[in-house]
Amino acid sequence: MVRINSSWESREIQFADVRTQFLEVQADLDGWETDVAELTGVPAELAEGHVNLVIEVGDLSPKVGDIVLGLDAPDDGTLRRAAVAEFQVEADEVLAAIESIREAATGIGATTTTSAGA
């Protein structure tokens, strides 16, 4: 999103192209949200982290919608820029949720290894 927005800011791409690219990212995020939400077989130890990830991923697509609304707004780009910044914050929260799951998964592996070696 930041790259697309930067390309628009520098007028490297046309309005129709930037709008299309934003909407394509939104569609991709909608698909990813469905995939994450419908994931089965999540170990109990990771379930809480998975639920958190589902919630965070679910917040991404609406943020893209806000970016598109900002793109379409008759202002000087302030609404779009603010929406891009909010998207980045949300993306960071998704990455933090993923990292939390990784840490929990590493802990599970370490526990299993320690138990097996005892």
Foldseek 3Di string as FASTA:
>chain_A
DVVLVVCVVVVVDDLVVSLVVLVVVLVVLVVVLVVLVPDPDDDPLLVVLSVQLSVLSVPQSVLSVQLSVLSVDPDPSPSNVVSVVVNVVSVVSNVVSVVVSVVSVVVVVVVVVVVVVD
